[in-house]
Amino acid sequence: LYFLTRNRSAHVYCVEPDPKNVARIPRTL
């Protein structure tokens, strides 16, 4: 979220193994 809010065009590749965390990423973003 921090990286994406530096501007309106950046793209971020997220690497996360915990399914509980992965399920929350789309909500955060």
PDB file of all heavy atoms in Angstrom:
ATOM      1  N   LEU A   1       0.832  -1.202   0.000  1.00  0.00           N
ATOM      2  CA  LEU A   1       0.000   0.000   0.000  1.00  0.00           C
ATOM      3  C   LEU A   1       0.867   1.253   0.000  1.00  0.00           C
ATOM      4  O   LEU A   1       0.588   2.225  -0.729  1.00  0.00           O
ATOM      5  CB  LEU A   1      -0.921  -0.005   1.221  1.00  0.00           C
ATOM      6  CG  LEU A   1      -1.877   1.180   1.351  1.00  0.00           C
ATOM      7  CD1 LEU A   1      -2.901   1.177   0.235  1.00  0.00           C
ATOM      8  CD2 LEU A   1      -2.583   1.148   2.712  1.00  0.00           C
ATOM      9  N   TYR A   2       1.927   1.256   0.792  1.00  0.00           N
ATOM     10  CA  TYR A   2       2.844   2.395   0.807  1.00  0.00           C
ATOM     11  C   TYR A   2       3.435   2.621  -0.583  1.00  0.00           C
ATOM     12  O   TYR A   2       3.442   3.748  -1.096  1.00  0.00           O
ATOM     13  CB  TYR A   2       3.958   2.159   1.824  1.00  0.00           C
ATOM     14  CG  TYR A   2       5.088   3.153   1.739  1.00  0.00           C
ATOM     15  CD1 TYR A   2       4.975   4.420   2.291  1.00  0.00           C
ATOM     16  CD2 TYR A   2       6.270   2.824   1.069  1.00  0.00           C
ATOM     17  CE1 TYR A   2       6.006   5.341   2.190  1.00  0.00           C
ATOM     18  CE2 TYR A   2       7.304   3.734   0.967  1.00  0.00           C
ATOM     19  CZ  TYR A   2       7.172   4.995   1.531  1.00  0.00           C
ATOM     20  OH  TYR A   2       8.189   5.909   1.413  1.00  0.00           O
ATOM     21  N   PHE A   3       3.927   1.563  -1.215  1.00  0.00           N
ATOM     22  CA  PHE A   3       4.539   1.720  -2.542  1.00  0.00           C
ATOM     23  C   PHE A   3       3.509   2.219  -3.561  1.00  0.00           C
ATOM     24  O   PHE A   3       3.814   3.093  -4.376  1.00  0.00           O
ATOM     25  CB  PHE A   3       5.136   0.387  -3.002  1.00  0.00           C
ATOM     26  CG  PHE A   3       6.260  -0.119  -2.141  1.00  0.00           C
ATOM     27  CD1 PHE A   3       6.343  -1.454  -1.783  1.00  0.00           C
ATOM     28  CD2 PHE A   3       7.255   0.741  -1.686  1.00  0.00           C
ATOM     29  CE1 PHE A   3       7.374  -1.932  -0.995  1.00  0.00           C
ATOM     30  CE2 PHE A   3       8.300   0.286  -0.893  1.00  0.00           C
ATOM     31  CZ  PHE A   3       8.355  -1.065  -0.551  1.00  0.00           C
ATOM     32  N   LEU A   4       2.304   1.682  -3.526  1.00  0.00           N
ATOM     33  CA  LEU A   4       1.285   2.069  -4.494  1.00  0.00           C
ATOM     34  C   LEU A   4       0.852   3.520  -4.336  1.00  0.00           C
ATOM     35  O   LEU A   4       0.412   4.155  -5.312  1.00  0.00           O
ATOM     36  CB  LEU A   4       0.064   1.152  -4.380  1.00  0.00           C
ATOM     37  CG  LEU A   4       0.256  -0.295  -4.831  1.00  0.00           C
ATOM     38  CD1 LEU A   4      -0.989  -1.119  -4.534  1.00  0.00           C
ATOM     39  CD2 LEU A   4       0.582  -0.360  -6.320  1.00  0.00           C
ATOM     40  N   THR A   5       0.962   4.051  -3.131  1.00  0.00           N
ATOM     41  CA  THR A   5       0.518   5.430  -2.897  1.00  0.00           C
ATOM     42  C   THR A   5       1.606   6.461  -3.136  1.00  0.00           C
ATOM     43  O   THR A   5       1.389   7.655  -2.886  1.00  0.00           O
ATOM     44  CB  THR A   5      -0.026   5.583  -1.461  1.00  0.00           C
ATOM     45  OG1 THR A   5       0.973   5.159  -0.517  1.00  0.00           O
ATOM     46  CG2 THR A   5      -1.292   4.767  -1.265  1.00  0.00           C
ATOM     47  N   ARG A   6       2.764   6.037  -3.640  1.00  0.00           N
ATOM     48  CA  ARG A   6       3.772   7.046  -4.006  1.00  0.00           C
ATOM     49  C   ARG A   6       3.332   7.795  -5.262  1.00  0.00           C
ATOM     50  O   ARG A   6       3.747   8.938  -5.479  1.00  0.00           O
ATOM     51  CB  ARG A   6       5.127   6.387  -4.259  1.00  0.00           C
ATOM     52  CG  ARG A   6       5.752   5.655  -3.072  1.00  0.00           C
ATOM     53  CD  ARG A   6       5.767   6.490  -1.822  1.00  0.00           C
ATOM     54  NE  ARG A   6       4.561   6.276  -1.013  1.00  0.00           N
ATOM     55  CZ  ARG A   6       4.239   7.027   0.042  1.00  0.00           C
ATOM     56  NH1 ARG A   6       5.001   8.043   0.394  1.00  0.00           N
ATOM     57  NH2 ARG A   6       3.135   6.776   0.727  1.00  0.00           N
ATOM     58  N   ASN A   7       2.509   7.169  -6.103  1.00  0.00           N
ATOM     59  CA  ASN A   7       1.995   7.805  -7.309  1.00  0.00           C
ATOM     60  C   ASN A   7       0.781   6.994  -7.777  1.00  0.00           C
ATOM     61  O   ASN A   7       0.349   6.070  -7.087  1.00  0.00           O
ATOM     62  CB  ASN A   7       3.070   7.900  -8.402  1.00  0.00           C
ATOM     63  CG  ASN A   7       3.678   6.547  -8.737  1.00  0.00           C
ATOM     64  OD1 ASN A   7       2.982   5.599  -9.103  1.00  0.00           O
ATOM     65  ND2 ASN A   7       5.003   6.435  -8.589  1.00  0.00           N
ATOM     66  N   ARG A   8       0.266   7.294  -8.949  1.00  0.00           N
ATOM     67  CA  ARG A   8      -0.941   6.618  -9.436  1.00  0.00           C
ATOM     68  C   ARG A   8      -0.662   5.575 -10.522  1.00  0.00           C
ATOM     69  O   ARG A   8      -1.597   5.133 -11.199  1.00  0.00           O
ATOM     70  CB  ARG A   8      -1.942   7.662  -9.957  1.00  0.00           C
ATOM     71  CG  ARG A   8      -2.408   8.625  -8.869  1.00  0.00           C
ATOM     72  CD  ARG A   8      -3.516   9.545  -9.345  1.00  0.00           C
ATOM     73  NE  ARG A   8      -3.901  10.475  -8.302  1.00  0.00           N
ATOM     74  CZ  ARG A   8      -4.762  10.206  -7.317  1.00  0.00           C
ATOM     75  NH1 ARG A   8      -5.333   9.003  -7.273  1.00  0.00           N
ATOM     76  NH2 ARG A   8      -5.051  11.104  -6.404  1.00  0.00           N
ATOM     77  N   SER A   9       0.587   5.169 -10.688  1.00  0.00           N
ATOM     78  CA  SER A   9       0.873   4.224 -11.757  1.00  0.00           C
ATOM     79  C   SER A   9       1.802   3.083 -11.366  1.00  0.00           C
ATOM     80  O   SER A   9       1.995   2.151 -12.161  1.00  0.00           O
ATOM     81  CB  SER A   9       1.478   4.968 -12.958  1.00  0.00           C
ATOM     82  OG  SER A   9       2.684   5.625 -12.587  1.00  0.00           O
ATOM     83  N   ALA A  10       2.402   3.089 -10.182  1.00  0.00           N
ATOM     84  CA  ALA A  10       3.343   2.035  -9.788  1.00  0.00           C
ATOM     85  C   ALA A  10       2.648   0.678  -9.731  1.00  0.00           C
ATOM     86  O   ALA A  10       1.438   0.581  -9.475  1.00  0.00           O
ATOM     87  CB  ALA A  10       3.951   2.362  -8.428  1.00  0.00           C
ATOM     88  N   HIS A  11       3.433  -0.386  -9.964  1.00  0.00           N
ATOM     89  CA  HIS A  11       2.922  -1.756  -9.837  1.00  0.00           C
ATOM     90  C   HIS A  11       3.791  -2.483  -8.819  1.00  0.00           C
ATOM     91  O   HIS A  11       5.017  -2.321  -8.795  1.00  0.00           O
ATOM     92  CB  HIS A  11       2.976  -2.492 -11.179  1.00  0.00           C
ATOM     93  CG  HIS A  11       2.207  -3.778 -11.173  1.00  0.00           C
ATOM     94  ND1 HIS A  11       0.892  -3.866 -11.592  1.00  0.00           N
ATOM     95  CD2 HIS A  11       2.565  -5.032 -10.783  1.00  0.00           C
ATOM     96  CE1 HIS A  11       0.476  -5.113 -11.469  1.00  0.00           C
ATOM     97  NE2 HIS A  11       1.472  -5.849 -10.973  1.00  0.00           N
ATOM     98  N   VAL A  12       3.156  -3.313  -7.988  1.00  0.00           N
ATOM     99  CA  VAL A  12       3.869  -4.031  -6.931  1.00  0.00           C
ATOM    100  C   VAL A  12       3.596  -5.525  -7.065  1.00  0.00           C
ATOM    101  O   VAL A  12       2.451  -5.944  -7.265  1.00  0.00           O
ATOM    102  CB  VAL A  12       3.467  -3.541  -5.526  1.00  0.00           C
ATOM    103  CG1 VAL A  12       4.261  -4.285  -4.457  1.00  0.00           C
ATOM    104  CG2 VAL A  12       3.677  -2.039  -5.396  1.00  0.00           C
ATOM    105  N   TYR A  13       4.664  -6.309  -6.930  1.00  0.00           N
ATOM    106  CA  TYR A  13       4.577  -7.763  -6.909  1.00  0.00           C
ATOM    107  C   TYR A  13       4.702  -8.216  -5.459  1.00  0.00           C
ATOM    108  O   TYR A  13       5.724  -7.975  -4.804  1.00  0.00           O
ATOM    109  CB  TYR A  13       5.685  -8.370  -7.770  1.00  0.00           C
ATOM    110  CG  TYR A  13       5.538  -8.023  -9.238  1.00  0.00           C
ATOM    111  CD1 TYR A  13       6.048  -6.818  -9.738  1.00  0.00           C
ATOM    112  CD2 TYR A  13       4.876  -8.876 -10.112  1.00  0.00           C
ATOM    113  CE1 TYR A  13       5.892  -6.484 -11.076  1.00  0.00           C
ATOM    114  CE2 TYR A  13       4.727  -8.550 -11.460  1.00  0.00           C
ATOM    115  CZ  TYR A  13       5.235  -7.355 -11.926  1.00  0.00           C
ATOM    116  OH  TYR A  13       5.086  -7.018 -13.260  1.00  0.00           O
ATOM    117  N   CYS A  14       3.634  -8.845  -4.931  1.00  0.00           N
ATOM    118  CA  CYS A  14       3.569  -9.250  -3.523  1.00  0.00           C
ATOM    119  C   CYS A  14       3.885 -10.748  -3.408  1.00  0.00           C
ATOM    120  O   CYS A  14       3.282 -11.559  -4.124  1.00  0.00           O
ATOM    121  CB  CYS A  14       2.176  -9.017  -2.946  1.00  0.00           C
ATOM    122  SG  CYS A  14       1.480  -7.390  -3.227  1.00  0.00           S
ATOM    123  N   VAL A  15       4.763 -11.092  -2.487  1.00  0.00           N
ATOM    124  CA  VAL A  15       5.107 -12.491  -2.229  1.00  0.00           C
ATOM    125  C   VAL A  15       4.743 -12.787  -0.775  1.00  0.00           C
ATOM    126  O   VAL A  15       5.336 -12.225   0.150  1.00  0.00           O
ATOM    127  CB  VAL A  15       6.605 -12.754  -2.474  1.00  0.00           C
ATOM    128  CG1 VAL A  15       6.928 -14.229  -2.256  1.00  0.00           C
ATOM    129  CG2 VAL A  15       7.014 -12.308  -3.877  1.00  0.00           C
ATOM    130  N   GLU A  16       3.758 -13.660  -0.558  1.00  0.00           N
ATOM    131  CA  GLU A  16       3.277 -13.934   0.794  1.00  0.00           C
ATOM    132  C   GLU A  16       2.733 -15.362   0.869  1.00  0.00           C
ATOM    133  O   GLU A  16       1.834 -15.734   0.111  1.00  0.00           O
ATOM    134  CB  GLU A  16       2.174 -12.953   1.180  1.00  0.00           C
ATOM    135  CG  GLU A  16       1.471 -13.242   2.496  1.00  0.00           C
ATOM    136  CD  GLU A  16       2.416 -13.316   3.694  1.00  0.00           C
ATOM    137  OE1 GLU A  16       3.308 -12.450   3.801  1.00  0.00           O
ATOM    138  OE2 GLU A  16       2.269 -14.241   4.519  1.00  0.00           O
ATOM    139  N   PRO A  17       3.247 -16.206   1.794  1.00  0.00           N
ATOM    140  CA  PRO A  17       2.824 -17.609   1.854  1.00  0.00           C
ATOM    141  C   PRO A  17       1.643 -17.909   2.783  1.00  0.00           C
ATOM    142  O   PRO A  17       0.999 -18.949   2.617  1.00  0.00           O
ATOM    143  CB  PRO A  17       4.079 -18.312   2.362  1.00  0.00           C
ATOM    144  CG  PRO A  17       4.728 -17.288   3.242  1.00  0.00           C
ATOM    145  CD  PRO A  17       4.442 -15.950   2.606  1.00  0.00           C
ATOM    146  N   ASP A  18       1.372 -17.063   3.769  1.00  0.00           N
ATOM    147  CA  ASP A  18       0.343 -17.359   4.767  1.00  0.00           C
ATOM    148  C   ASP A  18      -1.042 -17.098   4.163  1.00  0.00           C
ATOM    149  O   ASP A  18      -1.379 -15.953   3.848  1.00  0.00           O
ATOM    150  CB  ASP A  18       0.560 -16.474   6.000  1.00  0.00           C
ATOM    151  CG  ASP A  18      -0.371 -16.829   7.147  1.00  0.00           C
ATOM    152  OD1 ASP A  18      -1.436 -17.446   6.900  1.00  0.00           O
ATOM    153  OD2 ASP A  18      -0.069 -16.466   8.303  1.00  0.00           O
ATOM    154  N   PRO A  19      -1.868 -18.125   3.992  1.00  0.00           N
ATOM    155  CA  PRO A  19      -3.174 -17.926   3.358  1.00  0.00           C
ATOM    156  C   PRO A  19      -4.046 -16.887   4.063  1.00  0.00           C
ATOM    157  O   PRO A  19      -4.813 -16.169   3.410  1.00  0.00           O
ATOM    158  CB  PRO A  19      -3.814 -19.317   3.422  1.00  0.00           C
ATOM    159  CG  PRO A  19      -2.660 -20.265   3.522  1.00  0.00           C
ATOM    160  CD  PRO A  19      -1.607 -19.534   4.322  1.00  0.00           C
ATOM    161  N   LYS A  20      -3.954 -16.800   5.392  1.00  0.00           N
ATOM    162  CA  LYS A  20      -4.747 -15.807   6.112  1.00  0.00           C
ATOM    163  C   LYS A  20      -4.340 -14.391   5.719  1.00  0.00           C
ATOM    164  O   LYS A  20      -5.176 -13.510   5.563  1.00  0.00           O
ATOM    165  CB  LYS A  20      -4.589 -15.997   7.623  1.00  0.00           C
ATOM    166  CG  LYS A  20      -5.277 -17.228   8.175  1.00  0.00           C
ATOM    167  CD  LYS A  20      -4.972 -17.421   9.657  1.00  0.00           C
ATOM    168  CE  LYS A  20      -5.398 -16.220  10.481  1.00  0.00           C
ATOM    169  NZ  LYS A  20      -5.134 -16.432  11.933  1.00  0.00           N
ATOM    170  N   ASN A  21      -3.046 -14.167   5.565  1.00  0.00           N
ATOM    171  CA  ASN A  21      -2.583 -12.848   5.129  1.00  0.00           C
ATOM    172  C   ASN A  21      -2.949 -12.579   3.671  1.00  0.00           C
ATOM    173  O   ASN A  21      -3.372 -11.475   3.315  1.00  0.00           O
ATOM    174  CB  ASN A  21      -1.072 -12.734   5.313  1.00  0.00           C
ATOM    175  CG  ASN A  21      -0.662 -12.597   6.765  1.00  0.00           C
ATOM    176  OD1 ASN A  21      -1.461 -12.225   7.617  1.00  0.00           O
ATOM    177  ND2 ASN A  21       0.589 -12.911   7.052  1.00  0.00           N
ATOM    178  N   VAL A  22      -2.768 -13.591   2.832  1.00  0.00           N
ATOM    179  CA  VAL A  22      -3.085 -13.432   1.405  1.00  0.00           C
ATOM    180  C   VAL A  22      -4.551 -13.028   1.226  1.00  0.00           C
ATOM    181  O   VAL A  22      -4.873 -12.179   0.386  1.00  0.00           O
ATOM    182  CB  VAL A  22      -2.780 -14.726   0.633  1.00  0.00           C
ATOM    183  CG1 VAL A  22      -3.334 -14.657  -0.791  1.00  0.00           C
ATOM    184  CG2 VAL A  22      -1.274 -14.983   0.600  1.00  0.00           C
ATOM    185  N   ALA A  23      -5.429 -13.602   2.031  1.00  0.00           N
ATOM    186  CA  ALA A  23      -6.853 -13.279   1.920  1.00  0.00           C
ATOM    187  C   ALA A  23      -7.140 -11.824   2.272  1.00  0.00           C
ATOM    188  O   ALA A  23      -8.131 -11.252   1.804  1.00  0.00           O
ATOM    189  CB  ALA A  23      -7.660 -14.211   2.822  1.00  0.00           C
ATOM    190  N   ARG A  24      -6.273 -11.210   3.081  1.00  0.00           N
ATOM    191  CA  ARG A  24      -6.495  -9.826   3.497  1.00  0.00           C
ATOM    192  C   ARG A  24      -5.870  -8.804   2.551  1.00  0.00           C
ATOM    193  O   ARG A  24      -6.218  -7.619   2.593  1.00  0.00           O
ATOM    194  CB  ARG A  24      -5.949  -9.621   4.911  1.00  0.00           C
ATOM    195  CG  ARG A  24      -6.707 -10.406   5.977  1.00  0.00           C
ATOM    196  CD  ARG A  24      -6.002 -10.340   7.316  1.00  0.00           C
ATOM    197  NE  ARG A  24      -5.932  -8.988   7.843  1.00  0.00           N
ATOM    198  CZ  ARG A  24      -5.206  -8.636   8.907  1.00  0.00           C
ATOM    199  NH1 ARG A  24      -4.487  -9.560   9.535  1.00  0.00           N
ATOM    200  NH2 ARG A  24      -5.190  -7.397   9.336  1.00  0.00           N
ATOM    201  N   ILE A  25      -4.944  -9.241   1.699  1.00  0.00           N
ATOM    202  CA  ILE A  25      -4.271  -8.294   0.817  1.00  0.00           C
ATOM    203  C   ILE A  25      -5.248  -7.564  -0.106  1.00  0.00           C
ATOM    204  O   ILE A  25      -5.191  -6.328  -0.216  1.00  0.00           O
ATOM    205  CB  ILE A  25      -3.156  -8.995   0.011  1.00  0.00           C
ATOM    206  CG1 ILE A  25      -2.007  -9.395   0.948  1.00  0.00           C
ATOM    207  CG2 ILE A  25      -2.635  -8.087  -1.095  1.00  0.00           C
ATOM    208  CD1 ILE A  25      -0.913 -10.209   0.262  1.00  0.00           C
ATOM    209  N   PRO A  26      -6.188  -8.249  -0.784  1.00  0.00           N
ATOM    210  CA  PRO A  26      -7.106  -7.508  -1.653  1.00  0.00           C
ATOM    211  C   PRO A  26      -7.947  -6.474  -0.905  1.00  0.00           C
ATOM    212  O   PRO A  26      -8.305  -5.441  -1.483  1.00  0.00           O
ATOM    213  CB  PRO A  26      -7.981  -8.616  -2.256  1.00  0.00           C
ATOM    214  CG  PRO A  26      -7.126  -9.843  -2.204  1.00  0.00           C
ATOM    215  CD  PRO A  26      -6.360  -9.708  -0.908  1.00  0.00           C
ATOM    216  N   ARG A  27      -8.254  -6.742   0.359  1.00  0.00           N
ATOM    217  CA  ARG A  27      -8.996  -5.750   1.140  1.00  0.00           C
ATOM    218  C   ARG A  27      -8.136  -4.526   1.408  1.00  0.00           C
ATOM    219  O   ARG A  27      -8.596  -3.390   1.269  1.00  0.00           O
ATOM    220  CB  ARG A  27      -9.460  -6.372   2.468  1.00  0.00           C
ATOM    221  CG  ARG A  27     -10.365  -5.467   3.298  1.00  0.00           C
ATOM    222  CD  ARG A  27     -10.642  -6.084   4.654  1.00  0.00           C
ATOM    223  NE  ARG A  27      -9.451  -6.088   5.501  1.00  0.00           N
ATOM    224  CZ  ARG A  27      -9.361  -6.729   6.661  1.00  0.00           C
ATOM    225  NH1 ARG A  27     -10.383  -7.451   7.095  1.00  0.00           N
ATOM    226  NH2 ARG A  27      -8.258  -6.664   7.375  1.00  0.00           N
ATOM    227  N   THR A  28      -6.874  -4.744   1.782  1.00  0.00           N
ATOM    228  CA  THR A  28      -5.970  -3.626   2.026  1.00  0.00           C
ATOM    229  C   THR A  28      -5.777  -2.791   0.764  1.00  0.00           C
ATOM    230  O   THR A  28      -5.674  -1.556   0.834  1.00  0.00           O
ATOM    231  CB  THR A  28      -4.601  -4.145   2.513  1.00  0.00           C
ATOM    232  OG1 THR A  28      -4.783  -4.909   3.709  1.00  0.00           O
ATOM    233  CG2 THR A  28      -3.645  -2.990   2.811  1.00  0.00           C
ATOM    234  N   LEU A  29      -5.755  -3.449  -0.392  1.00  0.00           N
ATOM    235  CA  LEU A  29      -5.445  -2.783  -1.660  1.00  0.00           C
ATOM    236  C   LEU A  29      -6.686  -2.598  -2.530  1.00  0.00           C
ATOM    237  O   LEU A  29      -6.571  -2.462  -3.756  1.00  0.00           O
ATOM    238  CB  LEU A  29      -4.401  -3.603  -2.420  1.00  0.00           C
ATOM    239  CG  LEU A  29      -3.133  -3.972  -1.642  1.00  0.00           C
ATOM    240  CD1 LEU A  29      -2.200  -4.812  -2.508  1.00  0.00           C
ATOM    241  CD2 LEU A  29      -2.422  -2.722  -1.128  1.00  0.00           C
TER     242      LEU A  29
END
